[in-house]
Amino acid sequence: PEVPRRTRSTDVSGHTLDMIGQVAGCASKDATRYILNSVLLTPEDGGRVVATDGRHLALAPATVPDVRIAVPDAAALLLGHPDFRSETVVMTPFLKPPDPVEGKRPGKKTGEQVPDHLRVESGDHALVTRLIDGRFPDWKQVIPREHHASATFAECHRAAVIGWLRSAGRRGKEVPVELRPGKPGHLELSRTTTEGSRIEVPAEIEGQPQPVALNAAYLADALTLAPTLRFIDEISPVVSHRSDGALCVVMPMRFGSSGRAAA
């Protein structure tokens, strides 16, 4: 077979690998959703790494190659190993030979070449991974462009909330948690399951957050990435956000006639 042709190598910092590791938890674990079992590296908007399972999405700014590539989540987790934390990391995509048949498909140009492997070099370590072939969803469509209220947690309180949320979904169940304003300067979180549980957490509140139900595990992922939650209304996504532009979008859960939240 024809030897793959390398594209231009890109020098990135260990920060890029940190960002890949931070968003990788939002990649899908469902093997049937092949393209979503990946972290997207895209040069859009100055460089972004993105991961989603269709129900929550994480994004972070990063220095990436100048071509869109989808790195399998297993490889993304390996890149989180401390051995890859040298000062300079080199990423080199390799192109697969052009497929004249594929070029006849709608939206494809004859002879168009796309990367099918990626080599990541860091010090004495190197990782070569096959890339995932497919059309990654339009991640920009799911990110709200406005918000009407926000709640920001201090670091000590954020850690406590994440622990409470993780314990709620410890057995792998989808546990809905409702967020609503509590007493002044506090956000109330309550599990909407039959056993129930409620906490009020000090937060810097701006505006008037509307009650909204979210999956506890997804909310924990969002708060792990960023300390500020942005709200729109009861039926819109909630976004965690931090100052460098990293964010996590969590789709809301709806309440059924019984008053319990449903996916």
Protein backbone atom coordinates (compact mmCIF):
# COMPACT_ATOMS: atom_id res chain seq x y z
CA PRO A 1 0.00 0.00 0.00
CA GLU A 2 0.98 3.59 -0.50
CA VAL A 3 2.98 5.08 2.37
CA PRO A 4 0.95 7.73 4.26
CA ARG A 5 2.15 11.28 3.69
CA ARG A 6 2.71 13.44 6.72
CA THR A 7 1.32 16.94 6.97
CA ARG A 8 3.03 19.84 8.70
CA SER A 9 4.02 19.13 12.28
CA THR A 10 2.70 21.43 14.99
CA ASP A 11 4.51 22.30 18.22
CA VAL A 12 2.10 22.51 21.12
CA SER A 13 2.57 22.89 24.86
CA GLY A 14 1.69 20.46 27.59
CA HIS A 15 -1.28 22.78 28.18
CA THR A 16 -2.93 21.36 25.05
CA LEU A 17 -2.70 17.84 26.45
CA ASP A 18 -4.15 19.11 29.72
CA MET A 19 -7.10 20.55 27.82
CA ILE A 20 -7.62 17.28 25.92
CA GLY A 21 -7.67 15.41 29.23
CA GLN A 22 -10.12 17.89 30.77
CA VAL A 23 -12.72 17.58 28.00
CA ALA A 24 -12.30 13.85 27.28
CA GLY A 25 -14.72 12.86 30.06
CA CYS A 26 -17.60 14.21 27.96
CA ALA A 27 -16.87 11.85 25.04
CA SER A 28 -19.51 9.19 24.45
CA LYS A 29 -19.06 5.76 26.02
CA ASP A 30 -21.57 4.23 23.60
CA ALA A 31 -19.58 2.20 21.06
CA THR A 32 -22.36 2.56 18.49
CA ARG A 33 -21.83 6.34 18.36
CA TYR A 34 -18.43 5.96 16.77
CA ILE A 35 -17.58 9.56 15.92
CA LEU A 36 -18.54 10.69 19.42
CA ASN A 37 -16.01 8.26 20.97
CA SER A 38 -13.39 10.92 20.34
CA VAL A 39 -11.96 14.32 21.17
CA LEU A 40 -12.12 16.74 18.25
CA LEU A 41 -9.09 18.95 17.61
CA THR A 42 -10.09 21.82 15.35
CA PRO A 43 -8.28 25.01 14.28
CA GLU A 44 -11.58 26.95 14.39
CA ASP A 45 -11.65 30.08 16.57
CA GLY A 46 -7.91 29.95 17.15
CA GLY A 47 -7.84 26.26 18.16
CA ARG A 48 -10.31 24.21 20.17
CA VAL A 49 -10.58 20.73 21.66
CA VAL A 50 -14.16 19.44 21.93
CA ALA A 51 -15.86 16.30 23.24
CA THR A 52 -19.54 15.39 23.52
CA ASP A 53 -21.87 12.46 24.01
CA GLY A 54 -24.89 14.36 22.72
CA ARG A 55 -26.13 15.21 26.21
CA HIS A 56 -23.26 17.28 27.49
CA LEU A 57 -20.36 18.93 25.68
CA ALA A 58 -16.98 20.24 26.85
CA LEU A 59 -14.75 22.67 25.00
CA ALA A 60 -11.41 24.30 25.74
CA PRO A 61 -9.01 26.57 23.82
CA ALA A 62 -5.76 24.91 22.75
CA THR A 63 -2.99 24.97 20.17
CA VAL A 64 -3.80 22.24 17.64
CA PRO A 65 -2.80 21.20 14.09
CA ASP A 66 -4.28 23.24 11.24
CA VAL A 67 -6.62 20.43 10.18
CA ARG A 68 -9.68 18.94 11.93
CA ILE A 69 -8.95 15.54 13.48
CA ALA A 70 -10.90 13.29 15.84
CA VAL A 71 -8.65 11.49 18.36
CA PRO A 72 -10.10 8.29 19.92
CA ASP A 73 -10.95 8.82 23.58
CA ALA A 74 -8.65 5.93 24.57
CA ALA A 75 -5.71 7.76 22.99
CA ALA A 76 -6.84 11.02 24.59
CA LEU A 77 -6.66 9.36 28.01
CA LEU A 78 -3.15 8.08 27.28
CA LEU A 79 -2.06 11.61 26.43
CA GLY A 80 -3.03 12.55 29.98
CA HIS A 81 -0.16 10.45 31.34
CA PRO A 82 2.58 12.48 33.11
CA ASP A 83 5.23 11.14 30.70
CA PHE A 84 3.74 13.34 27.98
CA ARG A 85 4.24 16.53 29.99
CA SER A 86 7.46 17.82 28.41
CA GLU A 87 7.79 21.49 27.58
CA THR A 88 7.18 20.91 23.87
CA VAL A 89 4.85 18.37 22.30
CA VAL A 90 4.90 17.74 18.54
CA MET A 91 1.71 16.63 16.76
CA THR A 92 1.97 15.29 13.22
CA PRO A 93 -1.15 14.19 11.27
CA PHE A 94 -0.61 11.67 8.45
CA LEU A 95 -2.78 11.72 5.35
CA LYS A 96 -4.43 8.64 3.93
CA PRO A 97 -4.14 8.17 0.14
CA PRO A 98 -6.97 9.78 -1.86
CA ASP A 99 -9.98 7.58 -2.61
CA PRO A 100 -11.40 8.38 -6.08
CA VAL A 101 -14.68 6.62 -5.25
CA GLU A 102 -15.16 8.58 -2.04
CA GLY A 103 -14.48 11.75 -3.98
CA LYS A 104 -17.67 11.18 -5.94
CA ARG A 105 -19.82 11.37 -2.80
CA PRO A 106 -21.73 14.60 -2.05
CA GLY A 107 -19.56 17.13 -0.26
CA LYS A 108 -16.33 15.34 -1.15
CA LYS A 109 -13.76 16.53 -3.67
CA THR A 110 -12.06 14.01 -5.92
CA GLY A 111 -8.58 13.35 -4.62
CA GLU A 112 -9.29 15.09 -1.30
CA GLN A 113 -6.97 13.86 1.42
CA VAL A 114 -7.75 13.78 5.12
CA PRO A 115 -5.58 12.60 8.03
CA ASP A 116 -6.11 9.05 9.26
CA HIS A 117 -3.26 8.81 11.80
CA LEU A 118 -1.71 11.15 14.35
CA ARG A 119 1.75 10.94 15.91
CA VAL A 120 2.30 12.75 19.21
CA GLU A 121 5.91 13.12 20.41
CA SER A 122 6.83 14.34 23.87
CA GLY A 123 10.43 13.99 25.01
CA ASP A 124 11.39 10.32 24.74
CA HIS A 125 7.77 9.22 24.36
CA ALA A 126 5.63 8.91 21.26
CA LEU A 127 2.07 7.82 20.61
CA VAL A 128 0.72 6.89 17.17
CA THR A 129 -3.04 6.53 16.92
CA ARG A 130 -5.51 5.93 14.14
CA LEU A 131 -7.98 8.78 13.87
CA ILE A 132 -11.75 8.39 13.80
CA ASP A 133 -13.26 8.96 10.37
CA GLY A 134 -16.62 10.70 10.28
CA ARG A 135 -18.40 14.02 10.51
CA PHE A 136 -18.24 15.43 14.04
CA PRO A 137 -21.45 17.25 15.05
CA ASP A 138 -21.67 21.02 14.71
CA TRP A 139 -20.64 21.81 18.27
CA LYS A 140 -21.23 25.54 17.88
CA GLN A 141 -24.97 25.01 17.48
CA VAL A 142 -25.46 23.74 21.03
CA ILE A 143 -23.60 26.54 22.83
CA PRO A 144 -26.03 29.25 24.01
CA ARG A 145 -25.05 32.77 22.99
CA GLU A 146 -26.65 34.48 25.97
CA HIS A 147 -27.52 33.92 29.59
CA HIS A 148 -29.79 35.68 32.05
CA ALA A 149 -28.26 34.64 35.39
CA SER A 150 -25.15 33.02 36.81
CA ALA A 151 -23.80 31.40 39.97
CA THR A 152 -20.08 31.21 40.77
CA PHE A 153 -18.75 28.88 43.46
CA ALA A 154 -15.62 29.47 45.53
CA GLU A 155 -13.14 26.63 45.14
CA CYS A 156 -13.87 25.02 48.52
CA HIS A 157 -17.63 25.04 47.90
CA ARG A 158 -17.23 23.80 44.32
CA ALA A 159 -15.28 20.76 45.51
CA ALA A 160 -18.00 19.96 48.07
CA VAL A 161 -20.76 20.22 45.43
CA ILE A 162 -18.85 17.96 43.01
CA GLY A 163 -18.44 15.36 45.77
CA TRP A 164 -22.17 15.52 46.58
CA LEU A 165 -23.08 15.13 42.91
CA ARG A 166 -20.66 12.23 42.39
CA SER A 167 -22.13 10.41 45.37
CA ALA A 168 -25.62 10.85 43.91
CA GLY A 169 -24.68 9.01 40.72
CA ARG A 170 -22.30 6.53 42.30
CA ARG A 171 -24.20 3.45 41.13
CA GLY A 172 -24.37 4.57 37.53
CA LYS A 173 -27.99 5.66 37.76
CA GLU A 174 -29.20 8.83 36.09
CA VAL A 175 -30.01 10.99 39.09
CA PRO A 176 -31.72 14.31 38.29
CA VAL A 177 -30.77 17.31 40.39
CA GLU A 178 -32.84 20.48 40.43
CA LEU A 179 -31.08 23.84 40.77
CA ARG A 180 -32.91 26.90 42.05
CA PRO A 181 -32.13 30.05 44.07
CA GLY A 182 -31.93 29.44 47.82
CA LYS A 183 -31.59 31.98 50.59
CA PRO A 184 -29.73 35.17 49.61
CA GLY A 185 -26.25 34.38 48.29
CA HIS A 186 -26.95 30.65 47.98
CA LEU A 187 -27.89 28.15 45.27
CA GLU A 188 -30.10 25.22 46.24
CA LEU A 189 -29.52 21.76 44.76
CA SER A 190 -32.00 18.98 45.39
CA ARG A 191 -32.24 15.41 44.15
CA THR A 192 -35.65 14.82 42.64
CA THR A 193 -35.68 11.09 43.34
CA THR A 194 -38.00 9.58 45.93
CA GLU A 195 -35.38 9.40 48.67
CA GLY A 196 -34.53 13.07 48.17
CA SER A 197 -31.63 15.15 49.42
CA ARG A 198 -31.01 18.88 49.41
CA ILE A 199 -28.09 21.24 49.97
CA GLU A 200 -27.70 25.02 49.88
CA VAL A 201 -24.32 26.23 48.73
CA PRO A 202 -22.87 29.75 49.04
CA ALA A 203 -22.37 31.27 45.59
CA GLU A 204 -21.92 34.63 43.92
CA ILE A 205 -25.32 35.02 42.26
CA GLU A 206 -26.03 37.42 39.40
CA GLY A 207 -29.58 37.77 38.12
CA GLN A 208 -32.35 35.36 39.06
CA PRO A 209 -31.56 31.74 38.07
CA GLN A 210 -34.64 29.84 36.93
CA PRO A 211 -35.20 26.31 38.35
CA VAL A 212 -33.73 23.68 36.03
CA ALA A 213 -33.11 19.92 36.36
CA LEU A 214 -29.80 18.40 35.25
CA ASN A 215 -28.18 14.97 35.32
CA ALA A 216 -26.05 14.86 38.51
CA ALA A 217 -23.06 13.18 36.82
CA TYR A 218 -23.07 15.65 33.93
CA LEU A 219 -23.30 18.60 36.29
CA ALA A 220 -20.33 17.22 38.22
CA ASP A 221 -18.34 17.08 34.96
CA ALA A 222 -19.33 20.67 34.19
CA LEU A 223 -18.28 21.98 37.60
CA THR A 224 -15.02 20.02 37.45
CA LEU A 225 -14.17 21.98 34.31
CA ALA A 226 -15.36 25.44 35.41
CA PRO A 227 -16.72 27.21 38.54
CA THR A 228 -19.41 29.44 37.03
CA LEU A 229 -22.84 28.19 35.97
CA ARG A 230 -24.79 30.27 33.46
CA PHE A 231 -28.58 29.96 33.26
CA ILE A 232 -31.20 30.92 30.68
CA ASP A 233 -34.53 29.33 31.68
CA GLU A 234 -36.10 26.04 32.77
CA ILE A 235 -35.79 24.33 29.38
CA SER A 236 -32.45 25.63 28.09
CA PRO A 237 -28.93 24.20 28.56
CA VAL A 238 -26.84 25.26 31.53
CA VAL A 239 -23.24 26.22 30.77
CA SER A 240 -20.29 26.09 33.13
CA HIS A 241 -17.68 28.66 32.14
CA ARG A 242 -14.24 29.85 33.14
CA SER A 243 -12.19 32.89 32.22
CA ASP A 244 -9.91 31.21 29.62
CA GLY A 245 -12.91 30.26 27.47
CA ALA A 246 -13.27 26.63 28.55
CA LEU A 247 -16.89 25.59 29.01
CA CYS A 248 -19.25 22.67 29.42
CA VAL A 249 -22.82 22.62 28.11
CA VAL A 250 -25.31 20.37 29.95
CA MET A 251 -28.69 19.64 28.41
CA PRO A 252 -31.63 19.93 30.83
CA MET A 253 -33.90 17.12 31.96
CA ARG A 254 -37.64 17.64 31.77
CA PHE A 255 -40.21 16.91 34.44
CA GLY A 256 -42.88 14.32 33.73
CA SER A 257 -46.45 14.41 35.01
CA SER A 258 -45.34 12.69 38.21
CA GLY A 259 -43.09 15.65 39.02
CA ARG A 260 -39.92 13.60 38.55
CA ALA A 261 -37.30 14.54 36.00
CA ALA A 262 -36.84 12.48 32.86
CA ALA A 263 -34.12 12.48 30.23
